[in-house]
């Protein structure tokens, strides 16, 4: 009888120690993962915001977990939630934020701003290009901004460098299309200047 009581006490003690050391955080992470992978219903977005808020309160969440979550949210079209996670990453792990993370931060802000550039998007792009001047995502977006400002030659320079650094055929085709648009705009500009 005392062995059973001792074994039961040991199990309870182990469970308490596990939960005290970080088990609650691990349970929250696992709960979020299960929720995120579940079927999307009408209340999913509202619950997603709440779940992300809970997840961001965890003390031992790692930079790699935040980065992976943010990129998955961005890829799945949950831009506001991705923004929240990326912002948290930059605040809590500023020395680990790399060029790709800042490029994604610029992208999500651009998407949230109805495909428009603002000072926050440009600041994130600038930081991304400072950290890696050959980051194709940042160069592509920066080229789009320059194109919108009628700075076609500068846009072409950005897109040329981006073209050298992309690996996907779809990305290459997209860059060639926008480069052709810039070349046509330059031609029109030159023709108007020569009249």
C-alpha atoms as a PDB file:
ATOM      1  CA  UNK A   1       0.000   0.000   0.000  1.00  0.00           C
ATOM      2  CA  UNK A   2       2.771   2.453   0.893  1.00  0.00           C
ATOM      3  CA  UNK A   3       4.537   1.720  -2.411  1.00  0.00           C
ATOM      4  CA  UNK A   4       1.416   2.741  -4.337  1.00  0.00           C
ATOM      5  CA  UNK A   5       1.076   5.936  -2.299  1.00  0.00           C
ATOM      6  CA  UNK A   6       4.768   6.671  -2.775  1.00  0.00           C
ATOM      7  CA  UNK A   7       4.542   6.035  -6.539  1.00  0.00           C
ATOM      8  CA  UNK A   8       1.422   8.200  -6.825  1.00  0.00           C
ATOM      9  CA  UNK A   9       3.116  10.981  -4.812  1.00  0.00           C
ATOM     10  CA  UNK A  10       6.193  10.758  -7.019  1.00  0.00           C
ATOM     11  CA  UNK A  11       4.069  11.062 -10.179  1.00  0.00           C
ATOM     12  CA  UNK A  12       2.209  14.083  -8.776  1.00  0.00           C
ATOM     13  CA  UNK A  13       5.497  15.678  -7.695  1.00  0.00           C
ATOM     14  CA  UNK A  14       7.037  15.085 -11.139  1.00  0.00           C
ATOM     15  CA  UNK A  15       4.007  16.605 -12.854  1.00  0.00           C
ATOM     16  CA  UNK A  16       4.164  19.683 -10.603  1.00  0.00           C
ATOM     17  CA  UNK A  17       7.900  20.125 -11.266  1.00  0.00           C
ATOM     18  CA  UNK A  18       7.359  19.719 -15.038  1.00  0.00           C
ATOM     19  CA  UNK A  19       4.586  22.311 -15.071  1.00  0.00           C
ATOM     20  CA  UNK A  20       6.624  24.661 -12.879  1.00  0.00           C
ATOM     21  CA  UNK A  21       9.745  24.439 -15.073  1.00  0.00           C
ATOM     22  CA  UNK A  22       7.958  25.345 -18.279  1.00  0.00           C
ATOM     23  CA  UNK A  23       5.317  22.784 -18.848  1.00  0.00           C
ATOM     24  CA  UNK A  24       2.537  25.378 -18.919  1.00  0.00           C
ATOM     25  CA  UNK A  25       4.340  27.150 -21.734  1.00  0.00           C
ATOM     26  CA  UNK A  26       4.868  23.861 -23.550  1.00  0.00           C
ATOM     27  CA  UNK A  27       1.197  22.987 -23.123  1.00  0.00           C
ATOM     28  CA  UNK A  28       0.230  26.411 -24.492  1.00  0.00           C
ATOM     29  CA  UNK A  29       2.532  25.933 -27.488  1.00  0.00           C
ATOM     30  CA  UNK A  30       1.104  22.489 -28.180  1.00  0.00           C
ATOM     31  CA  UNK A  31      -2.436  23.795 -27.763  1.00  0.00           C
ATOM     32  CA  UNK A  32      -1.730  26.585 -30.270  1.00  0.00           C
ATOM     33  CA  UNK A  33      -0.171  24.174 -32.762  1.00  0.00           C
ATOM     34  CA  UNK A  34      -3.225  21.909 -32.562  1.00  0.00           C
ATOM     35  CA  UNK A  35      -5.534  24.897 -32.936  1.00  0.00           C
ATOM     36  CA  UNK A  36      -3.563  26.371 -35.884  1.00  0.00           C
ATOM     37  CA  UNK A  37      -3.646  23.083 -37.747  1.00  0.00           C
ATOM     38  CA  UNK A  38      -7.350  22.553 -37.068  1.00  0.00           C
ATOM     39  CA  UNK A  39     -10.191  23.167 -39.519  1.00  0.00           C
ATOM     40  CA  UNK A  40     -10.864  26.863 -40.102  1.00  0.00           C
ATOM     41  CA  UNK A  41     -14.353  27.884 -39.008  1.00  0.00           C
ATOM     42  CA  UNK A  42     -16.117  31.254 -38.727  1.00  0.00           C
ATOM     43  CA  UNK A  43     -14.604  32.143 -35.342  1.00  0.00           C
ATOM     44  CA  UNK A  44     -11.116  31.025 -36.340  1.00  0.00           C
ATOM     45  CA  UNK A  45      -9.665  34.523 -36.955  1.00  0.00           C
ATOM     46  CA  UNK A  46     -10.976  35.913 -33.662  1.00  0.00           C
ATOM     47  CA  UNK A  47      -9.665  32.888 -31.818  1.00  0.00           C
ATOM     48  CA  UNK A  48      -6.400  33.085 -33.770  1.00  0.00           C
ATOM     49  CA  UNK A  49      -5.784  36.613 -32.471  1.00  0.00           C
ATOM     50  CA  UNK A  50      -6.452  35.502 -28.907  1.00  0.00           C
ATOM     51  CA  UNK A  51      -4.284  32.395 -29.258  1.00  0.00           C
ATOM     52  CA  UNK A  52      -1.411  34.417 -30.687  1.00  0.00           C
ATOM     53  CA  UNK A  53      -1.685  36.900 -27.817  1.00  0.00           C
ATOM     54  CA  UNK A  54      -1.476  33.983 -25.378  1.00  0.00           C
ATOM     55  CA  UNK A  55       1.449  32.484 -27.244  1.00  0.00           C
ATOM     56  CA  UNK A  56       3.362  35.764 -27.271  1.00  0.00           C
ATOM     57  CA  UNK A  57       3.069  35.920 -23.472  1.00  0.00           C
ATOM     58  CA  UNK A  58       5.149  32.750 -23.113  1.00  0.00           C
ATOM     59  CA  UNK A  59       8.515  33.479 -21.541  1.00  0.00           C
ATOM     60  CA  UNK A  60      10.537  30.749 -23.214  1.00  0.00           C
ATOM     61  CA  UNK A  61       9.318  31.051 -26.793  1.00  0.00           C
ATOM     62  CA  UNK A  62      12.346  30.970 -29.081  1.00  0.00           C
ATOM     63  CA  UNK A  63      13.226  33.255 -31.957  1.00  0.00           C
ATOM     64  CA  UNK A  64      13.066  30.338 -34.391  1.00  0.00           C
ATOM     65  CA  UNK A  65       9.552  29.429 -33.202  1.00  0.00           C
ATOM     66  CA  UNK A  66       8.423  33.035 -33.679  1.00  0.00           C
ATOM     67  CA  UNK A  67      10.031  33.254 -37.108  1.00  0.00           C
ATOM     68  CA  UNK A  68       8.465  30.009 -38.291  1.00  0.00           C
ATOM     69  CA  UNK A  69       5.044  31.029 -36.970  1.00  0.00           C
ATOM     70  CA  UNK A  70       5.247  34.465 -38.612  1.00  0.00           C
ATOM     71  CA  UNK A  71       6.255  33.015 -41.991  1.00  0.00           C
ATOM     72  CA  UNK A  72       3.474  30.399 -41.832  1.00  0.00           C
ATOM     73  CA  UNK A  73       0.901  33.053 -40.959  1.00  0.00           C
ATOM     74  CA  UNK A  74       2.147  35.256 -43.809  1.00  0.00           C
ATOM     75  CA  UNK A  75       2.025  32.365 -46.283  1.00  0.00           C
ATOM     76  CA  UNK A  76      -1.503  31.475 -45.125  1.00  0.00           C
ATOM     77  CA  UNK A  77      -2.712  35.051 -45.608  1.00  0.00           C
ATOM     78  CA  UNK A  78      -3.090  35.998 -41.941  1.00  0.00           C
ATOM     79  CA  UNK A  79      -1.264  39.297 -42.375  1.00  0.00           C
ATOM     80  CA  UNK A  80      -2.339  41.091 -39.192  1.00  0.00           C
ATOM     81  CA  UNK A  81      -1.365  38.095 -37.102  1.00  0.00           C
ATOM     82  CA  UNK A  82       1.947  37.701 -38.921  1.00  0.00           C
ATOM     83  CA  UNK A  83       2.649  41.393 -38.334  1.00  0.00           C
ATOM     84  CA  UNK A  84       2.018  40.954 -34.611  1.00  0.00           C
ATOM     85  CA  UNK A  85       4.433  38.008 -34.386  1.00  0.00           C
ATOM     86  CA  UNK A  86       7.138  39.717 -36.486  1.00  0.00           C
ATOM     87  CA  UNK A  87       6.862  42.877 -34.403  1.00  0.00           C
ATOM     88  CA  UNK A  88       7.255  40.791 -31.243  1.00  0.00           C
ATOM     89  CA  UNK A  89      10.301  39.069 -32.758  1.00  0.00           C
ATOM     90  CA  UNK A  90      11.983  42.368 -33.591  1.00  0.00           C
ATOM     91  CA  UNK A  91      11.274  43.756 -30.111  1.00  0.00           C
ATOM     92  CA  UNK A  92      12.490  40.667 -28.246  1.00  0.00           C
ATOM     93  CA  UNK A  93      15.294  39.436 -30.517  1.00  0.00           C
ATOM     94  CA  UNK A  94      16.629  42.559 -32.273  1.00  0.00           C
ATOM     95  CA  UNK A  95      20.154  41.206 -32.687  1.00  0.00           C
ATOM     96  CA  UNK A  96      18.816  38.056 -34.384  1.00  0.00           C
ATOM     97  CA  UNK A  97      16.515  39.833 -36.839  1.00  0.00           C
ATOM     98  CA  UNK A  98      18.062  39.231 -40.253  1.00  0.00           C
ATOM     99  CA  UNK A  99      17.494  40.652 -43.708  1.00  0.00           C
ATOM    100  CA  UNK A 100      14.851  38.060 -44.607  1.00  0.00           C
ATOM    101  CA  UNK A 101      12.853  38.806 -41.473  1.00  0.00           C
ATOM    102  CA  UNK A 102      12.861  42.555 -42.174  1.00  0.00           C
ATOM    103  CA  UNK A 103      11.885  41.904 -45.800  1.00  0.00           C
ATOM    104  CA  UNK A 104       8.932  39.830 -44.594  1.00  0.00           C
ATOM    105  CA  UNK A 105       8.058  42.561 -42.087  1.00  0.00           C
ATOM    106  CA  UNK A 106       8.025  45.083 -44.947  1.00  0.00           C
ATOM    107  CA  UNK A 107       5.931  42.735 -47.082  1.00  0.00           C
ATOM    108  CA  UNK A 108       3.285  42.158 -44.426  1.00  0.00           C
ATOM    109  CA  UNK A 109       3.022  45.895 -43.726  1.00  0.00           C
ATOM    110  CA  UNK A 110       2.703  46.577 -47.457  1.00  0.00           C
ATOM    111  CA  UNK A 111      -0.092  44.007 -47.707  1.00  0.00           C
ATOM    112  CA  UNK A 112      -1.875  45.408 -44.656  1.00  0.00           C
ATOM    113  CA  UNK A 113      -1.581  48.913 -46.124  1.00  0.00           C
ATOM    114  CA  UNK A 114      -3.610  47.940 -49.216  1.00  0.00           C
ATOM    115  CA  UNK A 115      -0.544  47.366 -51.389  1.00  0.00           C
ATOM    116  CA  UNK A 116       0.780  50.842 -50.640  1.00  0.00           C
ATOM    117  CA  UNK A 117       4.120  52.003 -49.361  1.00  0.00           C
ATOM    118  CA  UNK A 118       4.463  54.080 -46.220  1.00  0.00           C
ATOM    119  CA  UNK A 119       7.366  55.110 -43.990  1.00  0.00           C
ATOM    120  CA  UNK A 120       7.188  51.873 -41.943  1.00  0.00           C
ATOM    121  CA  UNK A 121       7.380  49.679 -45.048  1.00  0.00           C
ATOM    122  CA  UNK A 122      10.298  51.719 -46.382  1.00  0.00           C
ATOM    123  CA  UNK A 123      12.070  51.604 -43.009  1.00  0.00           C
ATOM    124  CA  UNK A 124      11.826  47.791 -42.909  1.00  0.00           C
ATOM    125  CA  UNK A 125      13.027  47.568 -46.534  1.00  0.00           C
ATOM    126  CA  UNK A 126      15.955  49.835 -45.752  1.00  0.00           C
ATOM    127  CA  UNK A 127      16.923  47.706 -42.752  1.00  0.00           C
ATOM    128  CA  UNK A 128      16.643  44.526 -44.829  1.00  0.00           C
ATOM    129  CA  UNK A 129      18.840  45.915 -47.611  1.00  0.00           C
ATOM    130  CA  UNK A 130      21.343  47.255 -45.088  1.00  0.00           C
ATOM    131  CA  UNK A 131      21.737  43.753 -43.648  1.00  0.00           C
ATOM    132  CA  UNK A 132      21.845  42.065 -47.071  1.00  0.00           C
ATOM    133  CA  UNK A 133      22.009  44.249 -50.198  1.00  0.00           C
ATOM    134  CA  UNK A 134      21.226  41.198 -52.346  1.00  0.00           C
ATOM    135  CA  UNK A 135      17.999  40.150 -50.600  1.00  0.00           C
ATOM    136  CA  UNK A 136      15.731  39.476 -53.573  1.00  0.00           C
ATOM    137  CA  UNK A 137      12.462  40.042 -51.707  1.00  0.00           C
ATOM    138  CA  UNK A 138      13.584  43.455 -50.408  1.00  0.00           C
ATOM    139  CA  UNK A 139      15.050  44.404 -53.796  1.00  0.00           C
ATOM    140  CA  UNK A 140      11.840  43.420 -55.568  1.00  0.00           C
ATOM    141  CA  UNK A 141       9.715  45.498 -53.206  1.00  0.00           C
ATOM    142  CA  UNK A 142      12.147  48.414 -53.295  1.00  0.00           C
ATOM    143  CA  UNK A 143      11.996  48.270 -57.096  1.00  0.00           C
ATOM    144  CA  UNK A 144       8.198  48.437 -56.916  1.00  0.00           C
ATOM    145  CA  UNK A 145       8.451  51.514 -54.712  1.00  0.00           C
ATOM    146  CA  UNK A 146      10.937  53.186 -57.067  1.00  0.00           C
ATOM    147  CA  UNK A 147       8.731  52.314 -60.050  1.00  0.00           C
ATOM    148  CA  UNK A 148       5.744  53.943 -58.303  1.00  0.00           C
ATOM    149  CA  UNK A 149       7.899  57.066 -57.893  1.00  0.00           C
ATOM    150  CA  UNK A 150       8.734  57.021 -61.649  1.00  0.00           C
ATOM    151  CA  UNK A 151      12.375  56.200 -60.875  1.00  0.00           C
ATOM    152  CA  UNK A 152      12.502  53.551 -63.563  1.00  0.00           C
ATOM    153  CA  UNK A 153      16.289  53.250 -63.917  1.00  0.00           C
ATOM    154  CA  UNK A 154      16.733  52.736 -60.168  1.00  0.00           C
ATOM    155  CA  UNK A 155      13.871  50.219 -60.164  1.00  0.00           C
ATOM    156  CA  UNK A 156      15.601  48.322 -62.980  1.00  0.00           C
ATOM    157  CA  UNK A 157      18.852  48.213 -61.002  1.00  0.00           C
ATOM    158  CA  UNK A 158      17.064  46.737 -57.986  1.00  0.00           C
ATOM    159  CA  UNK A 159      15.236  44.172 -60.093  1.00  0.00           C
ATOM    160  CA  UNK A 160      18.409  43.207 -61.982  1.00  0.00           C
ATOM    161  CA  UNK A 161      20.167  42.367 -58.723  1.00  0.00           C
ATOM    162  CA  UNK A 162      17.065  40.544 -57.473  1.00  0.00           C
ATOM    163  CA  UNK A 163      16.927  38.528 -60.711  1.00  0.00           C
ATOM    164  CA  UNK A 164      20.470  37.290 -60.074  1.00  0.00           C
ATOM    165  CA  UNK A 165      19.482  36.067 -56.600  1.00  0.00           C
ATOM    166  CA  UNK A 166      16.150  34.296 -57.151  1.00  0.00           C
ATOM    167  CA  UNK A 167      15.972  30.583 -57.715  1.00  0.00           C
ATOM    168  CA  UNK A 168      12.346  30.021 -58.645  1.00  0.00           C
ATOM    169  CA  UNK A 169      11.350  30.222 -62.302  1.00  0.00           C
ATOM    170  CA  UNK A 170       8.083  31.939 -61.348  1.00  0.00           C
ATOM    171  CA  UNK A 171       9.989  34.660 -59.498  1.00  0.00           C
ATOM    172  CA  UNK A 172      12.302  35.118 -62.477  1.00  0.00           C
ATOM    173  CA  UNK A 173       9.346  35.430 -64.862  1.00  0.00           C
ATOM    174  CA  UNK A 174       7.653  37.980 -62.584  1.00  0.00           C
ATOM    175  CA  UNK A 175      10.818  40.058 -62.369  1.00  0.00           C
ATOM    176  CA  UNK A 176      11.295  39.984 -66.144  1.00  0.00           C
ATOM    177  CA  UNK A 177       7.698  41.195 -66.619  1.00  0.00           C
ATOM    178  CA  UNK A 178       8.143  44.169 -64.268  1.00  0.00           C
ATOM    179  CA  UNK A 179      11.552  44.940 -65.781  1.00  0.00           C
ATOM    180  CA  UNK A 180       9.950  45.065 -69.228  1.00  0.00           C
ATOM    181  CA  UNK A 181       7.340  47.468 -67.853  1.00  0.00           C
ATOM    182  CA  UNK A 182      10.086  49.722 -66.525  1.00  0.00           C
ATOM    183  CA  UNK A 183      11.905  49.602 -69.867  1.00  0.00           C
ATOM    184  CA  UNK A 184       8.699  50.605 -71.686  1.00  0.00           C
ATOM    185  CA  UNK A 185       8.175  53.498 -69.258  1.00  0.00           C
ATOM    186  CA  UNK A 186      11.768  54.628 -69.831  1.00  0.00           C
ATOM    187  CA  UNK A 187      11.233  54.490 -73.593  1.00  0.00           C
ATOM    188  CA  UNK A 188       8.048  56.584 -73.314  1.00  0.00           C
ATOM    189  CA  UNK A 189       9.855  59.050 -71.067  1.00  0.00           C
ATOM    190  CA  UNK A 190      12.751  59.355 -73.540  1.00  0.00           C
ATOM    191  CA  UNK A 191      10.377  59.808 -76.477  1.00  0.00           C
ATOM    192  CA  UNK A 192       8.516  62.558 -74.612  1.00  0.00           C
ATOM    193  CA  UNK A 193      11.796  64.304 -73.759  1.00  0.00           C
ATOM    194  CA  UNK A 194      13.028  64.216 -77.347  1.00  0.00           C
ATOM    195  CA  UNK A 195       9.920  66.007 -78.681  1.00  0.00           C
END
